[in-house]
C-alpha cells in the first residue's frame, strides 16, 4: 500500500469514527412509553422544561427544586433458589431526593398511582407550583413518564432531567444512598 493512500484511509476512518454520534432522540409520543424503558428518549416533554446537568446542579445547590427519582426497584432474579438470600442493590441518588420507585411505568396500578400522588403531594408540601425535577438514568423513560404523569396531575413547574444520575456522577457531583419513600 502506498503511504499516501494508507494515510488517506486512516484519516477517512478516523473522521468516520469521530463523526459517529449517539442515537438520535426518540420522537415524543402522545401517551406514556409502555415498554423498552431503557432506550433513547425524546429531547422534549410537552409542558415540561428539559434541563441538563449544569441546570440541575444549579437548582440543587440553591435548593430551588424537589428532586424526584423514578427509577424502579431492581427485580428479584427469576428462578432464584430458595436457599439464596436476595439482597436488593442499593440506589445512589442526588442528595436530598425523593425516590418513588415504579412510578415511571407506562401503566400504574391504583396503589402505585396513589403512592405517586401522595409522594408528590408530600414532597411539594401540597404546592403544585413547586419546582419538581424528575430523573432516573440516561436513556431511561421512567423519568419521562413520571414527569408527564405529574403534568396530568396539575403540577405546573415540572422539570425533566434526562441525564439523571449518570450525568450527575459523570460531572463528579455527589450521590448518596437512598431508600424508597415508604408505601402507606
N, C-alpha and C. Protein backbone atom coordinates (compact mmCIF):
# COMPACT_ATOMS: atom_id res chain seq x y z
N UNK A 1 0.85 -1.18 0.00
CA UNK A 1 0.00 0.00 0.00
C UNK A 1 0.90 1.24 0.00
N UNK A 2 0.59 2.20 -0.81
CA UNK A 2 1.38 3.42 -0.87
C UNK A 2 1.12 4.23 0.40
N UNK A 3 2.16 4.91 0.93
CA UNK A 3 1.99 5.67 2.17
C UNK A 3 0.88 6.72 2.09
N UNK A 4 0.78 7.42 0.98
CA UNK A 4 -0.26 8.46 0.86
C UNK A 4 -1.64 7.84 0.93
N UNK A 5 -1.82 6.67 0.28
CA UNK A 5 -3.12 6.01 0.30
C UNK A 5 -3.45 5.54 1.71
N UNK A 6 -2.44 4.96 2.40
CA UNK A 6 -2.64 4.49 3.77
C UNK A 6 -3.01 5.62 4.70
N UNK A 7 -2.35 6.77 4.55
CA UNK A 7 -2.66 7.93 5.38
C UNK A 7 -4.07 8.43 5.10
N UNK A 8 -4.46 8.45 3.83
CA UNK A 8 -5.80 8.90 3.46
C UNK A 8 -6.86 7.96 4.03
N UNK A 9 -6.58 6.66 3.97
CA UNK A 9 -7.51 5.67 4.51
C UNK A 9 -7.65 5.83 6.02
N UNK A 10 -6.52 6.04 6.72
CA UNK A 10 -6.56 6.23 8.17
C UNK A 10 -7.33 7.50 8.52
N UNK A 11 -7.12 8.56 7.76
CA UNK A 11 -7.83 9.81 8.00
C UNK A 11 -9.33 9.64 7.79
N UNK A 12 -9.71 8.92 6.75
CA UNK A 12 -11.14 8.69 6.48
C UNK A 12 -11.77 7.87 7.60
N UNK A 13 -11.06 6.85 8.09
CA UNK A 13 -11.58 6.02 9.17
C UNK A 13 -11.73 6.84 10.45
N UNK A 14 -10.72 7.67 10.76
CA UNK A 14 -10.78 8.49 11.97
C UNK A 14 -11.92 9.49 11.88
N UNK A 15 -12.12 10.06 10.70
CA UNK A 15 -13.22 11.01 10.52
C UNK A 15 -14.56 10.34 10.71
N UNK A 16 -14.71 9.13 10.20
CA UNK A 16 -15.98 8.40 10.33
C UNK A 16 -16.25 8.08 11.79
N UNK A 17 -15.21 7.67 12.52
CA UNK A 17 -15.39 7.34 13.93
C UNK A 17 -15.71 8.60 14.73
N UNK A 18 -14.97 9.68 14.48
CA UNK A 18 -15.20 10.93 15.21
C UNK A 18 -16.57 11.50 14.91
N UNK A 19 -17.05 11.28 13.69
CA UNK A 19 -18.35 11.81 13.30
C UNK A 19 -19.51 10.98 13.78
N UNK A 20 -19.22 9.79 14.31
CA UNK A 20 -20.30 8.94 14.80
C UNK A 20 -20.97 9.65 15.97
N UNK A 21 -22.26 9.68 15.96
CA UNK A 21 -22.99 10.36 17.02
C UNK A 21 -23.87 9.36 17.76
N UNK A 22 -24.25 9.71 19.00
CA UNK A 22 -25.15 8.82 19.72
C UNK A 22 -26.48 8.72 18.98
N UNK A 23 -27.27 7.77 19.40
CA UNK A 23 -28.58 7.57 18.77
C UNK A 23 -29.38 8.86 18.80
N UNK A 24 -30.10 9.10 17.74
CA UNK A 24 -30.95 10.29 17.66
C UNK A 24 -32.05 10.20 18.71
N UNK A 25 -32.49 11.35 19.23
CA UNK A 25 -33.58 11.31 20.20
C UNK A 25 -34.83 10.67 19.60
N UNK A 26 -35.55 9.99 20.45
CA UNK A 26 -36.81 9.37 20.02
C UNK A 26 -37.86 10.47 19.83
N UNK A 27 -38.85 10.23 18.98
CA UNK A 27 -39.93 11.21 18.87
C UNK A 27 -40.77 11.19 20.16
N UNK A 28 -41.35 12.33 20.48
CA UNK A 28 -42.18 12.41 21.69
C UNK A 28 -43.52 11.75 21.42
N UNK A 29 -43.87 10.71 22.18
CA UNK A 29 -45.16 10.05 21.95
C UNK A 29 -46.31 10.86 22.54
N UNK A 30 -47.51 10.55 22.11
CA UNK A 30 -48.71 11.21 22.65
C UNK A 30 -48.97 10.77 24.08
N UNK A 31 -48.85 9.47 24.32
CA UNK A 31 -49.13 8.92 25.64
C UNK A 31 -47.84 8.55 26.36
N UNK A 32 -47.95 7.58 27.25
CA UNK A 32 -46.80 7.11 28.01
C UNK A 32 -46.04 6.05 27.23
N UNK A 33 -44.76 5.93 27.50
CA UNK A 33 -43.96 4.83 26.95
C UNK A 33 -44.37 3.59 27.74
N UNK A 34 -44.71 2.52 27.02
CA UNK A 34 -45.27 1.33 27.67
C UNK A 34 -44.29 0.16 27.77
N UNK A 35 -43.15 0.22 27.10
CA UNK A 35 -42.18 -0.88 27.17
C UNK A 35 -40.81 -0.35 26.74
N UNK A 36 -39.80 -1.22 26.76
CA UNK A 36 -38.43 -0.85 26.36
C UNK A 36 -38.04 0.48 27.01
N UNK A 37 -38.05 0.50 28.32
CA UNK A 37 -37.83 1.73 29.07
C UNK A 37 -36.38 2.22 29.05
N UNK A 38 -35.43 1.35 28.73
CA UNK A 38 -34.03 1.78 28.59
C UNK A 38 -33.72 1.88 27.11
N UNK A 39 -34.00 3.03 26.54
CA UNK A 39 -33.82 3.30 25.12
C UNK A 39 -33.69 4.81 24.94
N UNK A 40 -33.23 5.26 23.78
CA UNK A 40 -33.16 6.70 23.56
C UNK A 40 -34.49 7.38 23.86
N UNK A 41 -34.40 8.51 24.52
CA UNK A 41 -35.58 9.28 24.94
C UNK A 41 -35.74 10.51 24.05
N UNK A 42 -36.92 11.13 24.08
CA UNK A 42 -37.10 12.36 23.31
C UNK A 42 -36.24 13.50 23.86
N UNK A 43 -36.08 14.52 23.09
CA UNK A 43 -35.38 15.73 23.54
C UNK A 43 -36.34 16.68 24.23
N UNK A 44 -37.63 16.36 24.19
CA UNK A 44 -38.66 17.26 24.71
C UNK A 44 -39.69 16.51 25.54
N UNK A 45 -40.42 17.26 26.32
CA UNK A 45 -41.60 16.77 27.03
C UNK A 45 -42.57 17.94 27.08
N UNK A 46 -43.62 17.86 26.29
CA UNK A 46 -44.58 18.96 26.18
C UNK A 46 -45.13 19.34 27.56
N UNK A 47 -45.01 20.61 27.89
CA UNK A 47 -45.50 21.12 29.16
C UNK A 47 -44.44 21.18 30.24
N UNK A 48 -43.30 20.53 30.01
CA UNK A 48 -42.21 20.50 30.99
C UNK A 48 -40.99 21.23 30.44
N UNK A 49 -40.07 21.54 31.32
CA UNK A 49 -38.80 22.13 30.94
C UNK A 49 -37.74 21.04 31.02
N UNK A 50 -36.99 20.86 29.94
CA UNK A 50 -35.91 19.87 29.92
C UNK A 50 -34.63 20.58 30.37
N UNK A 51 -33.93 19.97 31.34
CA UNK A 51 -32.72 20.60 31.87
C UNK A 51 -31.52 19.67 31.71
N UNK A 52 -30.34 20.26 31.72
CA UNK A 52 -29.10 19.50 31.63
C UNK A 52 -28.46 19.43 33.02
N UNK A 53 -27.29 18.83 33.09
CA UNK A 53 -26.62 18.64 34.38
C UNK A 53 -26.27 19.97 35.04
N UNK A 54 -25.80 20.94 34.26
CA UNK A 54 -25.44 22.23 34.84
C UNK A 54 -26.66 22.89 35.50
N UNK A 55 -27.80 22.87 34.82
CA UNK A 55 -29.02 23.47 35.38
C UNK A 55 -29.51 22.68 36.59
N UNK A 56 -29.44 21.34 36.50
CA UNK A 56 -29.85 20.51 37.64
C UNK A 56 -29.00 20.83 38.86
N UNK A 57 -27.70 20.95 38.66
CA UNK A 57 -26.81 21.24 39.78
C UNK A 57 -27.10 22.62 40.36
N UNK A 58 -27.37 23.59 39.49
CA UNK A 58 -27.72 24.93 39.96
C UNK A 58 -28.98 24.89 40.83
N UNK A 59 -30.01 24.22 40.35
CA UNK A 59 -31.26 24.11 41.13
C UNK A 59 -31.01 23.40 42.45
N UNK A 60 -30.23 22.32 42.41
CA UNK A 60 -29.94 21.54 43.61
C UNK A 60 -29.14 22.38 44.62
N UNK A 61 -28.11 23.07 44.14
CA UNK A 61 -27.26 23.82 45.06
C UNK A 61 -28.01 24.99 45.71
N UNK A 62 -29.01 25.51 45.03
CA UNK A 62 -29.83 26.60 45.59
C UNK A 62 -31.06 26.07 46.33
N UNK A 63 -31.22 24.75 46.35
CA UNK A 63 -32.41 24.13 46.96
C UNK A 63 -33.68 24.74 46.37
N UNK A 64 -33.66 24.94 45.05
CA UNK A 64 -34.75 25.61 44.35
C UNK A 64 -35.76 24.64 43.76
N UNK A 65 -35.57 23.34 43.98
CA UNK A 65 -36.49 22.34 43.43
C UNK A 65 -36.42 21.07 44.27
N UNK A 66 -37.48 20.29 44.17
CA UNK A 66 -37.51 18.96 44.77
C UNK A 66 -37.09 17.98 43.67
N UNK A 67 -36.13 17.12 43.97
CA UNK A 67 -35.66 16.13 43.00
C UNK A 67 -36.37 14.81 43.26
N UNK A 68 -36.96 14.24 42.20
CA UNK A 68 -37.76 13.02 42.30
C UNK A 68 -37.16 11.96 41.39
N UNK A 69 -36.71 10.87 41.99
CA UNK A 69 -36.15 9.74 41.24
C UNK A 69 -37.27 8.75 40.94
N UNK A 70 -37.40 8.37 39.68
CA UNK A 70 -38.46 7.45 39.26
C UNK A 70 -37.92 6.07 38.90
N UNK A 71 -36.64 5.81 39.16
CA UNK A 71 -36.06 4.50 38.82
C UNK A 71 -36.79 3.39 39.57
N UNK A 72 -37.15 2.31 38.90
CA UNK A 72 -37.84 1.22 39.60
C UNK A 72 -36.88 0.42 40.48
N UNK A 73 -37.47 -0.36 41.37
CA UNK A 73 -36.68 -1.33 42.13
C UNK A 73 -36.06 -2.33 41.17
N UNK A 74 -34.88 -2.80 41.50
CA UNK A 74 -34.29 -3.89 40.71
C UNK A 74 -35.10 -5.15 41.01
N UNK A 75 -35.53 -5.86 39.99
CA UNK A 75 -36.35 -7.05 40.24
C UNK A 75 -35.52 -8.20 40.81
N UNK A 76 -36.17 -9.00 41.64
CA UNK A 76 -35.53 -10.20 42.16
C UNK A 76 -35.37 -11.18 40.99
N UNK A 77 -34.19 -11.76 40.83
CA UNK A 77 -33.98 -12.68 39.70
C UNK A 77 -34.96 -13.85 39.72
N UNK A 78 -35.50 -14.15 38.55
CA UNK A 78 -36.41 -15.30 38.45
C UNK A 78 -35.63 -16.59 38.67
N UNK A 79 -36.27 -17.55 39.30
CA UNK A 79 -35.66 -18.85 39.50
C UNK A 79 -34.57 -18.87 40.56
N UNK A 80 -34.52 -17.85 41.39
CA UNK A 80 -33.52 -17.82 42.45
C UNK A 80 -33.83 -18.94 43.45
N UNK A 81 -32.87 -19.81 43.73
CA UNK A 81 -33.14 -20.90 44.68
C UNK A 81 -33.57 -20.37 46.04
N UNK A 82 -34.44 -21.11 46.70
CA UNK A 82 -35.00 -20.67 47.99
C UNK A 82 -33.93 -20.47 49.06
N UNK A 83 -32.81 -21.19 48.95
CA UNK A 83 -31.77 -21.08 49.97
C UNK A 83 -30.80 -19.91 49.70
N UNK A 84 -31.04 -19.14 48.65
CA UNK A 84 -30.19 -17.99 48.33
C UNK A 84 -30.88 -16.72 48.83
N UNK A 85 -30.14 -15.93 49.59
CA UNK A 85 -30.67 -14.68 50.12
C UNK A 85 -30.57 -13.61 49.03
N UNK A 86 -31.69 -12.94 48.76
CA UNK A 86 -31.71 -11.85 47.78
C UNK A 86 -31.47 -10.54 48.51
N UNK A 87 -30.45 -9.85 48.09
CA UNK A 87 -30.16 -8.52 48.64
C UNK A 87 -30.35 -7.50 47.53
N UNK A 88 -31.27 -6.61 47.76
CA UNK A 88 -31.55 -5.58 46.77
C UNK A 88 -30.33 -4.68 46.58
N UNK A 89 -30.10 -4.27 45.34
CA UNK A 89 -29.00 -3.36 45.04
C UNK A 89 -29.29 -1.99 45.64
N UNK A 90 -28.30 -1.36 46.25
CA UNK A 90 -28.55 -0.02 46.78
C UNK A 90 -28.73 0.97 45.63
N UNK A 91 -29.48 2.01 45.87
CA UNK A 91 -29.68 3.08 44.89
C UNK A 91 -28.94 4.31 45.39
N UNK A 92 -28.11 4.87 44.55
CA UNK A 92 -27.39 6.09 44.88
C UNK A 92 -28.01 7.23 44.08
N UNK A 93 -28.47 8.24 44.81
CA UNK A 93 -29.27 9.32 44.28
C UNK A 93 -28.60 10.68 44.45
N UNK A 94 -29.17 11.64 43.78
CA UNK A 94 -28.80 13.03 44.01
C UNK A 94 -29.21 13.35 45.45
N UNK A 95 -28.29 13.87 46.27
CA UNK A 95 -28.61 14.10 47.68
C UNK A 95 -29.89 14.91 47.88
N UNK A 96 -30.68 14.44 48.85
CA UNK A 96 -31.93 15.10 49.20
C UNK A 96 -33.12 14.72 48.35
N UNK A 97 -32.91 13.82 47.41
CA UNK A 97 -34.00 13.41 46.51
C UNK A 97 -35.07 12.60 47.22
N UNK A 98 -36.19 12.50 46.56
CA UNK A 98 -37.29 11.63 46.96
C UNK A 98 -37.30 10.50 45.93
N UNK A 99 -37.23 9.26 46.40
CA UNK A 99 -37.26 8.12 45.47
C UNK A 99 -38.65 7.50 45.50
N UNK A 100 -39.34 7.58 44.38
CA UNK A 100 -40.67 6.98 44.21
C UNK A 100 -40.55 5.89 43.15
N UNK A 101 -40.03 4.71 43.55
CA UNK A 101 -39.79 3.66 42.56
C UNK A 101 -41.08 3.14 41.94
N UNK A 102 -40.92 2.67 40.73
CA UNK A 102 -42.01 2.01 39.99
C UNK A 102 -43.10 2.97 39.53
N UNK A 103 -42.88 4.27 39.66
CA UNK A 103 -43.90 5.25 39.27
C UNK A 103 -43.71 5.76 37.85
N UNK A 104 -42.71 5.24 37.15
CA UNK A 104 -42.46 5.67 35.79
C UNK A 104 -42.88 4.67 34.73
N UNK A 105 -43.50 3.59 35.15
CA UNK A 105 -44.01 2.64 34.15
C UNK A 105 -45.14 3.31 33.38
N UNK A 106 -45.43 2.79 32.21
CA UNK A 106 -46.47 3.37 31.37
C UNK A 106 -47.86 3.26 31.97
N UNK A 107 -48.14 2.15 32.60
CA UNK A 107 -49.43 1.93 33.26
C UNK A 107 -49.15 1.61 34.73
N UNK A 108 -49.87 2.26 35.62
CA UNK A 108 -49.69 2.04 37.05
C UNK A 108 -50.92 1.39 37.65
N UNK A 109 -50.69 0.55 38.65
CA UNK A 109 -51.81 0.02 39.42
C UNK A 109 -52.41 1.18 40.22
N UNK A 110 -53.62 0.98 40.72
CA UNK A 110 -54.24 2.03 41.53
C UNK A 110 -53.39 2.36 42.75
N UNK A 111 -52.81 1.33 43.37
CA UNK A 111 -51.99 1.54 44.56
C UNK A 111 -50.73 2.35 44.22
N UNK A 112 -50.10 2.05 43.11
CA UNK A 112 -48.89 2.79 42.72
C UNK A 112 -49.24 4.21 42.31
N UNK A 113 -50.36 4.40 41.65
CA UNK A 113 -50.81 5.75 41.29
C UNK A 113 -51.03 6.58 42.56
N UNK A 114 -51.68 6.01 43.58
CA UNK A 114 -51.89 6.72 44.86
C UNK A 114 -50.55 7.03 45.52
N UNK A 115 -49.64 6.05 45.49
CA UNK A 115 -48.30 6.23 46.06
C UNK A 115 -47.60 7.42 45.39
N UNK A 116 -47.71 7.51 44.07
CA UNK A 116 -47.11 8.61 43.32
C UNK A 116 -47.76 9.94 43.71
N UNK A 117 -49.08 9.98 43.69
CA UNK A 117 -49.80 11.21 44.03
C UNK A 117 -49.47 11.67 45.45
N UNK A 118 -49.50 10.74 46.40
CA UNK A 118 -49.20 11.08 47.79
C UNK A 118 -47.74 11.51 47.96
N UNK A 119 -46.84 10.81 47.25
CA UNK A 119 -45.42 11.15 47.32
C UNK A 119 -45.14 12.55 46.80
N UNK A 120 -45.78 12.91 45.69
CA UNK A 120 -45.59 14.26 45.15
C UNK A 120 -46.21 15.32 46.05
N UNK A 121 -47.39 15.03 46.60
CA UNK A 121 -48.04 15.98 47.50
C UNK A 121 -47.16 16.24 48.72
N UNK A 122 -46.59 15.18 49.27
CA UNK A 122 -45.72 15.32 50.44
C UNK A 122 -44.44 16.07 50.07
N UNK A 123 -43.81 15.68 48.96
CA UNK A 123 -42.54 16.29 48.55
C UNK A 123 -42.70 17.77 48.22
N UNK A 124 -43.83 18.14 47.64
CA UNK A 124 -44.07 19.53 47.23
C UNK A 124 -44.71 20.36 48.33
N UNK A 125 -45.05 19.71 49.44
CA UNK A 125 -45.76 20.43 50.51
C UNK A 125 -47.15 20.85 50.07
N UNK A 126 -47.70 20.13 49.08
CA UNK A 126 -49.02 20.45 48.57
C UNK A 126 -49.05 21.62 47.60
N UNK A 127 -47.88 22.13 47.25
CA UNK A 127 -47.77 23.28 46.35
C UNK A 127 -47.55 22.79 44.92
N UNK A 128 -48.60 22.84 44.10
CA UNK A 128 -48.49 22.36 42.72
C UNK A 128 -47.67 23.28 41.82
N UNK A 129 -47.24 24.41 42.34
CA UNK A 129 -46.35 25.30 41.61
C UNK A 129 -44.89 25.11 41.97
N UNK A 130 -44.63 24.24 42.95
CA UNK A 130 -43.25 23.97 43.38
C UNK A 130 -42.49 23.29 42.25
N UNK A 131 -41.23 23.66 42.05
CA UNK A 131 -40.40 23.05 41.01
C UNK A 131 -40.08 21.60 41.39
N UNK A 132 -40.38 20.69 40.47
CA UNK A 132 -40.11 19.26 40.65
C UNK A 132 -39.22 18.79 39.51
N UNK A 133 -38.06 18.24 39.84
CA UNK A 133 -37.12 17.72 38.85
C UNK A 133 -37.22 16.20 38.85
N UNK A 134 -37.63 15.63 37.72
CA UNK A 134 -37.76 14.18 37.58
C UNK A 134 -36.55 13.62 36.85
N UNK A 135 -36.02 12.51 37.37
CA UNK A 135 -34.85 11.90 36.76
C UNK A 135 -34.81 10.41 37.08
N UNK A 136 -33.96 9.70 36.38
CA UNK A 136 -33.56 8.32 36.73
C UNK A 136 -32.15 8.13 36.19
N UNK A 137 -32.01 7.51 35.02
CA UNK A 137 -30.71 7.29 34.38
C UNK A 137 -30.75 7.86 32.96
N UNK A 138 -29.61 7.93 32.32
CA UNK A 138 -29.57 8.32 30.91
C UNK A 138 -30.34 7.28 30.09
N UNK A 139 -31.07 7.73 29.09
CA UNK A 139 -31.86 6.84 28.23
C UNK A 139 -32.82 5.97 29.04
N UNK A 140 -33.51 6.60 29.97
CA UNK A 140 -34.49 5.91 30.81
C UNK A 140 -35.82 6.65 30.72
N UNK A 141 -36.80 5.95 30.19
CA UNK A 141 -38.13 6.54 30.01
C UNK A 141 -38.91 6.69 31.31
N UNK A 142 -38.45 6.08 32.38
CA UNK A 142 -39.18 6.14 33.65
C UNK A 142 -39.37 7.59 34.11
N UNK A 143 -38.32 8.39 34.02
CA UNK A 143 -38.44 9.78 34.46
C UNK A 143 -39.31 10.58 33.51
N UNK A 144 -39.25 10.28 32.22
CA UNK A 144 -40.10 10.97 31.25
C UNK A 144 -41.57 10.69 31.56
N UNK A 145 -41.90 9.40 31.77
CA UNK A 145 -43.28 9.03 32.10
C UNK A 145 -43.73 9.68 33.41
N UNK A 146 -42.87 9.66 34.43
CA UNK A 146 -43.25 10.23 35.73
C UNK A 146 -43.47 11.74 35.61
N UNK A 147 -42.61 12.42 34.88
CA UNK A 147 -42.78 13.87 34.69
C UNK A 147 -44.08 14.16 33.94
N UNK A 148 -44.36 13.38 32.92
CA UNK A 148 -45.61 13.54 32.15
C UNK A 148 -46.81 13.32 33.06
N UNK A 149 -46.72 12.31 33.92
CA UNK A 149 -47.80 12.00 34.85
C UNK A 149 -48.02 13.15 35.83
N UNK A 150 -46.93 13.77 36.29
CA UNK A 150 -47.05 14.91 37.21
C UNK A 150 -47.78 16.07 36.52
N UNK A 151 -47.51 16.27 35.25
CA UNK A 151 -48.21 17.31 34.50
C UNK A 151 -49.72 17.04 34.47
N UNK A 152 -50.09 15.78 34.27
CA UNK A 152 -51.53 15.45 34.22
C UNK A 152 -52.19 15.63 35.59
N UNK A 153 -51.39 15.62 36.65
CA UNK A 153 -51.92 15.84 38.00
C UNK A 153 -52.01 17.33 38.34
N UNK A 154 -51.61 18.18 37.41
CA UNK A 154 -51.73 19.61 37.62
C UNK A 154 -50.49 20.30 38.15
N UNK A 155 -49.37 19.60 38.24
CA UNK A 155 -48.14 20.26 38.66
C UNK A 155 -47.67 21.16 37.54
N UNK A 156 -47.40 22.42 37.88
CA UNK A 156 -47.16 23.44 36.85
C UNK A 156 -45.68 23.71 36.57
N UNK A 157 -44.80 23.28 37.46
CA UNK A 157 -43.37 23.58 37.30
C UNK A 157 -42.58 22.28 37.26
N UNK A 158 -42.83 21.50 36.21
CA UNK A 158 -42.21 20.19 36.05
C UNK A 158 -40.96 20.33 35.19
N UNK A 159 -39.86 19.82 35.73
CA UNK A 159 -38.59 19.82 35.00
C UNK A 159 -38.15 18.38 34.81
N UNK A 160 -37.63 18.08 33.64
CA UNK A 160 -37.18 16.72 33.35
C UNK A 160 -35.68 16.76 33.11
N UNK A 161 -34.97 15.92 33.85
CA UNK A 161 -33.51 15.84 33.76
C UNK A 161 -33.15 14.48 33.15
N UNK A 162 -33.08 14.39 31.82
CA UNK A 162 -32.89 13.09 31.17
C UNK A 162 -31.53 12.44 31.40
N UNK A 163 -30.52 13.20 31.80
CA UNK A 163 -29.20 12.60 32.04
C UNK A 163 -29.18 11.84 33.37
N UNK A 164 -30.02 12.22 34.29
CA UNK A 164 -30.17 11.52 35.56
C UNK A 164 -28.87 11.35 36.34
N UNK A 165 -28.83 10.31 37.16
CA UNK A 165 -27.65 10.10 38.00
C UNK A 165 -26.41 9.78 37.17
N UNK A 166 -26.58 9.30 35.95
CA UNK A 166 -25.41 9.06 35.09
C UNK A 166 -24.73 10.39 34.76
N UNK A 167 -25.50 11.39 34.36
CA UNK A 167 -24.94 12.70 34.06
C UNK A 167 -24.39 13.38 35.30
N UNK A 168 -25.11 13.22 36.41
CA UNK A 168 -24.70 13.82 37.68
C UNK A 168 -23.35 13.24 38.13
N UNK A 169 -23.24 11.92 38.14
CA UNK A 169 -22.00 11.27 38.56
C UNK A 169 -20.87 11.59 37.57
N UNK A 170 -21.20 11.66 36.29
CA UNK A 170 -20.20 11.99 35.28
C UNK A 170 -19.60 13.37 35.48
N UNK A 171 -20.36 14.27 36.08
CA UNK A 171 -19.87 15.62 36.39
C UNK A 171 -19.18 15.66 37.75
N UNK A 172 -19.05 14.51 38.38
CA UNK A 172 -18.37 14.36 39.68
C UNK A 172 -19.12 15.04 40.82
N UNK A 173 -20.45 15.11 40.69
CA UNK A 173 -21.26 15.64 41.78
C UNK A 173 -21.59 14.50 42.73
N UNK A 174 -21.88 14.81 43.99
CA UNK A 174 -22.08 13.75 44.99
C UNK A 174 -23.38 12.97 44.78
N UNK A 175 -23.33 11.72 45.18
CA UNK A 175 -24.50 10.85 45.24
C UNK A 175 -24.57 10.30 46.65
N UNK A 176 -25.76 9.92 47.09
CA UNK A 176 -25.90 9.30 48.40
C UNK A 176 -26.90 8.16 48.31
N UNK A 177 -26.68 7.17 49.16
CA UNK A 177 -27.59 6.02 49.15
C UNK A 177 -28.98 6.48 49.58
N UNK A 178 -29.98 5.95 48.89
CA UNK A 178 -31.36 6.35 49.14
C UNK A 178 -32.23 5.12 49.29
N UNK A 179 -33.16 5.21 50.18
CA UNK A 179 -34.21 4.20 50.33
C UNK A 179 -35.49 4.78 49.73
N UNK A 180 -36.36 3.93 49.23
CA UNK A 180 -37.62 4.44 48.67
C UNK A 180 -38.49 5.08 49.74
N UNK A 181 -39.31 6.02 49.31
CA UNK A 181 -40.32 6.57 50.21
C UNK A 181 -41.24 5.42 50.61
N UNK A 182 -41.64 5.36 51.87
CA UNK A 182 -42.50 4.25 52.30
C UNK A 182 -43.87 4.28 51.63
N UNK A 183 -44.37 3.10 51.37
CA UNK A 183 -45.74 2.98 50.84
C UNK A 183 -46.66 2.87 52.03
N UNK A 184 -47.73 3.64 52.01
CA UNK A 184 -48.64 3.67 53.17
C UNK A 184 -49.74 2.67 53.04
